[in-house]
Amino acid sequence: MTWTRVSLVLALVAACGLAACAQKSNTRTLTERERDSTLGKSAIPGGAAVTRALEESDSAAARTRRLNEAASGQ
């Protein structure tokens, strides 16, 4: 191997090492609730049904919370 090839290989190894240490992007992923809400607000067929399902889920959760608080005497 010539010195040119050796230096090229070393440069390639250094570049790969630096790329592996690069800072990861701070992209935030959406929660399932956020994805469903976005889907419900869109104009695609069935989007309104997603919104209604989220509202029913919220209503059921609130009802369950009230029943649990009543049962525990809070």
PDB file of N, CA and C in Angstrom:
ATOM      1  N   MET A   1       0.834  -1.174   0.000  1.00  0.00           N
ATOM      2  CA  MET A   1       0.000   0.000   0.000  1.00  0.00           C
ATOM      3  C   MET A   1       0.880   1.239   0.000  1.00  0.00           C
ATOM      4  N   THR A   2       0.504   2.198  -0.801  1.00  0.00           N
ATOM      5  CA  THR A   2       1.296   3.420  -0.850  1.00  0.00           C
ATOM      6  C   THR A   2       0.827   4.362   0.242  1.00  0.00           C
ATOM      7  N   TRP A   3       1.635   5.389   0.479  1.00  0.00           N
ATOM      8  CA  TRP A   3       1.294   6.363   1.514  1.00  0.00           C
ATOM      9  C   TRP A   3       0.009   7.108   1.184  1.00  0.00           C
ATOM     10  N   THR A   4      -0.256   7.294  -0.068  1.00  0.00           N
ATOM     11  CA  THR A   4      -1.486   7.978  -0.478  1.00  0.00           C
ATOM     12  C   THR A   4      -2.703   7.152  -0.088  1.00  0.00           C
ATOM     13  N   ARG A   5      -2.619   5.861  -0.333  1.00  0.00           N
ATOM     14  CA  ARG A   5      -3.732   4.989   0.036  1.00  0.00           C
ATOM     15  C   ARG A   5      -3.887   4.900   1.546  1.00  0.00           C
ATOM     16  N   VAL A   6      -2.774   4.840   2.261  1.00  0.00           N
ATOM     17  CA  VAL A   6      -2.824   4.780   3.724  1.00  0.00           C
ATOM     18  C   VAL A   6      -3.482   6.039   4.276  1.00  0.00           C
ATOM     19  N   SER A   7      -3.084   7.197   3.761  1.00  0.00           N
ATOM     20  CA  SER A   7      -3.671   8.436   4.256  1.00  0.00           C
ATOM     21  C   SER A   7      -5.149   8.532   3.867  1.00  0.00           C
ATOM     22  N   LEU A   8      -5.513   8.009   2.708  1.00  0.00           N
ATOM     23  CA  LEU A   8      -6.915   8.002   2.289  1.00  0.00           C
ATOM     24  C   LEU A   8      -7.745   7.105   3.205  1.00  0.00           C
ATOM     25  N   VAL A   9      -7.214   5.944   3.547  1.00  0.00           N
ATOM     26  CA  VAL A   9      -7.910   5.023   4.447  1.00  0.00           C
ATOM     27  C   VAL A   9      -8.055   5.659   5.826  1.00  0.00           C
ATOM     28  N   LEU A  10      -7.002   6.289   6.316  1.00  0.00           N
ATOM     29  CA  LEU A  10      -7.076   6.946   7.622  1.00  0.00           C
ATOM     30  C   LEU A  10      -8.092   8.088   7.619  1.00  0.00           C
ATOM     31  N   ALA A  11      -8.128   8.847   6.547  1.00  0.00           N
ATOM     32  CA  ALA A  11      -9.104   9.926   6.440  1.00  0.00           C
ATOM     33  C   ALA A  11     -10.523   9.370   6.421  1.00  0.00           C
ATOM     34  N   LEU A  12     -10.737   8.278   5.732  1.00  0.00           N
ATOM     35  CA  LEU A  12     -12.045   7.645   5.668  1.00  0.00           C
ATOM     36  C   LEU A  12     -12.467   7.125   7.039  1.00  0.00           C
ATOM     37  N   VAL A  13     -11.545   6.499   7.755  1.00  0.00           N
ATOM     38  CA  VAL A  13     -11.836   5.992   9.098  1.00  0.00           C
ATOM     39  C   VAL A  13     -12.164   7.159  10.038  1.00  0.00           C
ATOM     40  N   ALA A  14     -11.419   8.250   9.940  1.00  0.00           N
ATOM     41  CA  ALA A  14     -11.677   9.417  10.781  1.00  0.00           C
ATOM     42  C   ALA A  14     -13.037  10.021  10.464  1.00  0.00           C
ATOM     43  N   ALA A  15     -13.398  10.097   9.186  1.00  0.00           N
ATOM     44  CA  ALA A  15     -14.694  10.654   8.794  1.00  0.00           C
ATOM     45  C   ALA A  15     -15.832   9.791   9.319  1.00  0.00           C
ATOM     46  N   CYS A  16     -15.681   8.489   9.232  1.00  0.00           N
ATOM     47  CA  CYS A  16     -16.715   7.585   9.755  1.00  0.00           C
ATOM     48  C   CYS A  16     -16.836   7.705  11.271  1.00  0.00           C
ATOM     49  N   GLY A  17     -15.696   7.844  11.934  1.00  0.00           N
ATOM     50  CA  GLY A  17     -15.718   8.007  13.387  1.00  0.00           C
ATOM     51  C   GLY A  17     -16.400   9.294  13.802  1.00  0.00           C
ATOM     52  N   LEU A  18     -16.139  10.368  13.091  1.00  0.00           N
ATOM     53  CA  LEU A  18     -16.789  11.637  13.410  1.00  0.00           C
ATOM     54  C   LEU A  18     -18.281  11.595  13.104  1.00  0.00           C
ATOM     55  N   ALA A  19     -18.654  10.934  12.042  1.00  0.00           N
ATOM     56  CA  ALA A  19     -20.071  10.825  11.695  1.00  0.00           C
ATOM     57  C   ALA A  19     -20.827  10.023  12.752  1.00  0.00           C
ATOM     58  N   ALA A  20     -20.187   9.017  13.311  1.00  0.00           N
ATOM     59  CA  ALA A  20     -20.833   8.213  14.342  1.00  0.00           C
ATOM     60  C   ALA A  20     -21.030   8.998  15.630  1.00  0.00           C
ATOM     61  N   CYS A  21     -20.196   9.998  15.864  1.00  0.00           N
ATOM     62  CA  CYS A  21     -20.291  10.806  17.075  1.00  0.00           C
ATOM     63  C   CYS A  21     -21.126  12.065  16.879  1.00  0.00           C
ATOM     64  N   ALA A  22     -21.691  12.240  15.706  1.00  0.00           N
ATOM     65  CA  ALA A  22     -22.457  13.463  15.420  1.00  0.00           C
ATOM     66  C   ALA A  22     -23.658  13.557  16.352  1.00  0.00           C
ATOM     67  N   GLN A  23     -24.025  14.774  16.684  1.00  0.00           N
ATOM     68  CA  GLN A  23     -25.150  15.014  17.580  1.00  0.00           C
ATOM     69  C   GLN A  23     -26.439  14.594  16.887  1.00  0.00           C
ATOM     70  N   LYS A  24     -27.271  13.899  17.625  1.00  0.00           N
ATOM     71  CA  LYS A  24     -28.550  13.454  17.086  1.00  0.00           C
ATOM     72  C   LYS A  24     -29.504  14.644  17.028  1.00  0.00           C
ATOM     73  N   SER A  25     -30.404  14.620  16.064  1.00  0.00           N
ATOM     74  CA  SER A  25     -31.363  15.723  15.933  1.00  0.00           C
ATOM     75  C   SER A  25     -32.384  15.650  17.057  1.00  0.00           C
ATOM     76  N   ASN A  26     -32.930  16.776  17.415  1.00  0.00           N
ATOM     77  CA  ASN A  26     -33.890  16.862  18.505  1.00  0.00           C
ATOM     78  C   ASN A  26     -35.322  16.851  17.983  1.00  0.00           C
ATOM     79  N   THR A  27     -35.601  15.994  17.026  1.00  0.00           N
ATOM     80  CA  THR A  27     -36.963  15.930  16.522  1.00  0.00           C
ATOM     81  C   THR A  27     -37.823  15.186  17.524  1.00  0.00           C
ATOM     82  N   ARG A  28     -38.972  15.747  17.773  1.00  0.00           N
ATOM     83  CA  ARG A  28     -39.906  15.164  18.741  1.00  0.00           C
ATOM     84  C   ARG A  28     -40.943  14.369  17.974  1.00  0.00           C
ATOM     85  N   THR A  29     -41.219  13.176  18.440  1.00  0.00           N
ATOM     86  CA  THR A  29     -42.251  12.381  17.795  1.00  0.00           C
ATOM     87  C   THR A  29     -43.582  12.673  18.459  1.00  0.00           C
ATOM     88  N   LEU A  30     -44.632  12.565  17.698  1.00  0.00           N
ATOM     89  CA  LEU A  30     -45.966  12.836  18.215  1.00  0.00           C
ATOM     90  C   LEU A  30     -46.470  11.647  19.018  1.00  0.00           C
ATOM     91  N   THR A  31     -47.269  11.938  20.038  1.00  0.00           N
ATOM     92  CA  THR A  31     -47.914  10.873  20.778  1.00  0.00           C
ATOM     93  C   THR A  31     -49.063  10.329  19.944  1.00  0.00           C
ATOM     94  N   GLU A  32     -49.597   9.205  20.345  1.00  0.00           N
ATOM     95  CA  GLU A  32     -50.732   8.624  19.620  1.00  0.00           C
ATOM     96  C   GLU A  32     -51.923   9.583  19.645  1.00  0.00           C
ATOM     97  N   ARG A  33     -52.128  10.236  20.771  1.00  0.00           N
ATOM     98  CA  ARG A  33     -53.232  11.191  20.896  1.00  0.00           C
ATOM     99  C   ARG A  33     -53.047  12.360  19.921  1.00  0.00           C
ATOM    100  N   GLU A  34     -51.826  12.880  19.820  1.00  0.00           N
ATOM    101  CA  GLU A  34     -51.556  13.993  18.909  1.00  0.00           C
ATOM    102  C   GLU A  34     -51.742  13.575  17.453  1.00  0.00           C
ATOM    103  N   ARG A  35     -51.302  12.370  17.118  1.00  0.00           N
ATOM    104  CA  ARG A  35     -51.500  11.874  15.746  1.00  0.00           C
ATOM    105  C   ARG A  35     -52.978  11.726  15.428  1.00  0.00           C
ATOM    106  N   ASP A  36     -53.742  11.163  16.379  1.00  0.00           N
ATOM    107  CA  ASP A  36     -55.173  10.990  16.162  1.00  0.00           C
ATOM    108  C   ASP A  36     -55.882  12.330  16.043  1.00  0.00           C
ATOM    109  N   SER A  37     -55.484  13.286  16.849  1.00  0.00           N
ATOM    110  CA  SER A  37     -56.088  14.610  16.784  1.00  0.00           C
ATOM    111  C   SER A  37     -55.817  15.274  15.439  1.00  0.00           C
ATOM    112  N   THR A  38     -54.610  15.147  14.963  1.00  0.00           N
ATOM    113  CA  THR A  38     -54.257  15.705  13.652  1.00  0.00           C
ATOM    114  C   THR A  38     -55.049  15.015  12.548  1.00  0.00           C
ATOM    115  N   LEU A  39     -55.181  13.714  12.665  1.00  0.00           N
ATOM    116  CA  LEU A  39     -55.953  12.958  11.687  1.00  0.00           C
ATOM    117  C   LEU A  39     -57.416  13.388  11.707  1.00  0.00           C
ATOM    118  N   GLY A  40     -57.962  13.626  12.908  1.00  0.00           N
ATOM    119  CA  GLY A  40     -59.348  14.047  13.028  1.00  0.00           C
ATOM    120  C   GLY A  40     -59.606  15.418  12.439  1.00  0.00           C
ATOM    121  N   LYS A  41     -58.626  16.277  12.462  1.00  0.00           N
ATOM    122  CA  LYS A  41     -58.777  17.634  11.926  1.00  0.00           C
ATOM    123  C   LYS A  41     -58.562  17.690  10.417  1.00  0.00           C
ATOM    124  N   SER A  42     -58.072  16.608   9.847  1.00  0.00           N
ATOM    125  CA  SER A  42     -57.799  16.614   8.409  1.00  0.00           C
ATOM    126  C   SER A  42     -59.083  16.416   7.619  1.00  0.00           C
ATOM    127  N   ALA A  43     -58.985  16.600   6.328  1.00  0.00           N
ATOM    128  CA  ALA A  43     -60.154  16.499   5.452  1.00  0.00           C
ATOM    129  C   ALA A  43     -60.318  15.097   4.872  1.00  0.00           C
ATOM    130  N   ILE A  44     -59.591  14.125   5.384  1.00  0.00           N
ATOM    131  CA  ILE A  44     -59.700  12.787   4.822  1.00  0.00           C
ATOM    132  C   ILE A  44     -61.008  12.140   5.274  1.00  0.00           C
ATOM    133  N   PRO A  45     -61.529  11.207   4.498  1.00  0.00           N
ATOM    134  CA  PRO A  45     -62.767  10.530   4.892  1.00  0.00           C
ATOM    135  C   PRO A  45     -62.592   9.813   6.229  1.00  0.00           C
ATOM    136  N   GLY A  46     -63.532  10.000   7.114  1.00  0.00           N
ATOM    137  CA  GLY A  46     -63.470   9.369   8.429  1.00  0.00           C
ATOM    138  C   GLY A  46     -62.766  10.197   9.473  1.00  0.00           C
ATOM    139  N   GLY A  47     -62.254  11.340   9.117  1.00  0.00           N
ATOM    140  CA  GLY A  47     -61.548  12.186  10.072  1.00  0.00           C
ATOM    141  C   GLY A  47     -62.451  12.666  11.191  1.00  0.00           C
ATOM    142  N   ALA A  48     -63.688  13.002  10.848  1.00  0.00           N
ATOM    143  CA  ALA A  48     -64.639  13.461  11.871  1.00  0.00           C
ATOM    144  C   ALA A  48     -64.951  12.347  12.869  1.00  0.00           C
ATOM    145  N   ALA A  49     -64.969  11.107  12.406  1.00  0.00           N
ATOM    146  CA  ALA A  49     -65.224   9.979  13.301  1.00  0.00           C
ATOM    147  C   ALA A  49     -64.099   9.827  14.314  1.00  0.00           C
ATOM    148  N   VAL A  50     -62.879  10.117  13.904  1.00  0.00           N
ATOM    149  CA  VAL A  50     -61.741  10.047  14.825  1.00  0.00           C
ATOM    150  C   VAL A  50     -61.914  11.094  15.923  1.00  0.00           C
ATOM    151  N   THR A  51     -62.340  12.301  15.528  1.00  0.00           N
ATOM    152  CA  THR A  51     -62.559  13.362  16.520  1.00  0.00           C
ATOM    153  C   THR A  51     -63.656  12.958  17.500  1.00  0.00           C
ATOM    154  N   ARG A  52     -64.745  12.405  16.994  1.00  0.00           N
ATOM    155  CA  ARG A  52     -65.835  11.968  17.880  1.00  0.00           C
ATOM    156  C   ARG A  52     -65.369  10.854  18.814  1.00  0.00           C
ATOM    157  N   ALA A  53     -64.558   9.943  18.311  1.00  0.00           N
ATOM    158  CA  ALA A  53     -64.044   8.859  19.156  1.00  0.00           C
ATOM    159  C   ALA A  53     -63.157   9.404  20.270  1.00  0.00           C
ATOM    160  N   LEU A  54     -62.350  10.409  19.962  1.00  0.00           N
ATOM    161  CA  LEU A  54     -61.521  11.033  21.000  1.00  0.00           C
ATOM    162  C   LEU A  54     -62.385  11.708  22.053  1.00  0.00           C
ATOM    163  N   GLU A  55     -63.446  12.388  21.616  1.00  0.00           N
ATOM    164  CA  GLU A  55     -64.351  13.043  22.561  1.00  0.00           C
ATOM    165  C   GLU A  55     -65.040  12.021  23.459  1.00  0.00           C
ATOM    166  N   GLU A  56     -65.485  10.899  22.886  1.00  0.00           N
ATOM    167  CA  GLU A  56     -66.116   9.843  23.681  1.00  0.00           C
ATOM    168  C   GLU A  56     -65.125   9.233  24.668  1.00  0.00           C
ATOM    169  N   SER A  57     -63.891   9.067  24.239  1.00  0.00           N
ATOM    170  CA  SER A  57     -62.860   8.535  25.126  1.00  0.00           C
ATOM    171  C   SER A  57     -62.614   9.475  26.307  1.00  0.00           C
ATOM    172  N   ASP A  58     -62.557  10.773  26.020  1.00  0.00           N
ATOM    173  CA  ASP A  58     -62.384  11.764  27.094  1.00  0.00           C
ATOM    174  C   ASP A  58     -63.561  11.734  28.054  1.00  0.00           C
ATOM    175  N   SER A  59     -64.767  11.624  27.494  1.00  0.00           N
ATOM    176  CA  SER A  59     -65.967  11.584  28.320  1.00  0.00           C
ATOM    177  C   SER A  59     -65.974  10.359  29.230  1.00  0.00           C
ATOM    178  N   ALA A  60     -65.619   9.209  28.688  1.00  0.00           N
ATOM    179  CA  ALA A  60     -65.576   7.980  29.480  1.00  0.00           C
ATOM    180  C   ALA A  60     -64.506   8.061  30.568  1.00  0.00           C
ATOM    181  N   ALA A  61     -63.383   8.642  30.248  1.00  0.00           N
ATOM    182  CA  ALA A  61     -62.312   8.781  31.246  1.00  0.00           C
ATOM    183  C   ALA A  61     -62.746   9.706  32.373  1.00  0.00           C
ATOM    184  N   ALA A  62     -63.441  10.799  32.032  1.00  0.00           N
ATOM    185  CA  ALA A  62     -63.917  11.730  33.058  1.00  0.00           C
ATOM    186  C   ALA A  62     -64.969  11.056  33.938  1.00  0.00           C
ATOM    187  N   ARG A  63     -65.865  10.287  33.319  1.00  0.00           N
ATOM    188  CA  ARG A  63     -66.896   9.581  34.075  1.00  0.00           C
ATOM    189  C   ARG A  63     -66.268   8.569  35.024  1.00  0.00           C
ATOM    190  N   THR A  64     -65.286   7.835  34.558  1.00  0.00           N
ATOM    191  CA  THR A  64     -64.586   6.862  35.398  1.00  0.00           C
ATOM    192  C   THR A  64     -63.877   7.549  36.554  1.00  0.00           C
ATOM    193  N   ARG A  65     -63.248   8.687  36.269  1.00  0.00           N
ATOM    194  CA  ARG A  65     -62.570   9.437  37.322  1.00  0.00           C
ATOM    195  C   ARG A  65     -63.561   9.896  38.396  1.00  0.00           C
ATOM    196  N   ARG A  66     -64.731  10.385  37.959  1.00  0.00           N
ATOM    197  CA  ARG A  66     -65.748  10.821  38.924  1.00  0.00           C
ATOM    198  C   ARG A  66     -66.254   9.657  39.769  1.00  0.00           C
ATOM    199  N   LEU A  67     -66.494   8.504  39.142  1.00  0.00           N
ATOM    200  CA  LEU A  67     -66.958   7.332  39.884  1.00  0.00           C
ATOM    201  C   LEU A  67     -65.913   6.847  40.873  1.00  0.00           C
ATOM    202  N   ASN A  68     -64.652   6.861  40.467  1.00  0.00           N
ATOM    203  CA  ASN A  68     -63.580   6.440  41.385  1.00  0.00           C
ATOM    204  C   ASN A  68     -63.455   7.391  42.565  1.00  0.00           C
ATOM    205  N   GLU A  69     -63.606   8.695  42.313  1.00  0.00           N
ATOM    206  CA  GLU A  69     -63.528   9.656  43.406  1.00  0.00           C
ATOM    207  C   GLU A  69     -64.709   9.496  44.345  1.00  0.00           C
ATOM    208  N   ALA A  70     -65.894   9.218  43.811  1.00  0.00           N
ATOM    209  CA  ALA A  70     -67.067   9.014  44.655  1.00  0.00           C
ATOM    210  C   ALA A  70     -66.926   7.744  45.494  1.00  0.00           C
ATOM    211  N   ALA A  71     -66.362   6.696  44.902  1.00  0.00           N
ATOM    212  CA  ALA A  71     -66.199   5.431  45.615  1.00  0.00           C
ATOM    213  C   ALA A  71     -65.156   5.540  46.711  1.00  0.00           C
ATOM    214  N   SER A  72     -64.139   6.353  46.501  1.00  0.00           N
ATOM    215  CA  SER A  72     -63.087   6.488  47.513  1.00  0.00           C
ATOM    216  C   SER A  72     -63.419   7.551  48.556  1.00  0.00           C
ATOM    217  N   GLY A  73     -64.494   8.290  48.336  1.00  0.00           N
ATOM    218  CA  GLY A  73     -64.929   9.294  49.314  1.00  0.00           C
ATOM    219  C   GLY A  73     -64.170  10.589  49.276  1.00  0.00           C
ATOM    220  N   GLN A  74     -63.595  10.928  48.142  1.00  0.00           N
ATOM    221  CA  GLN A  74     -62.821  12.171  48.050  1.00  0.00           C
ATOM    222  C   GLN A  74     -63.703  13.318  47.732  1.00  0.00           C
TER     223      GLN A  74
END
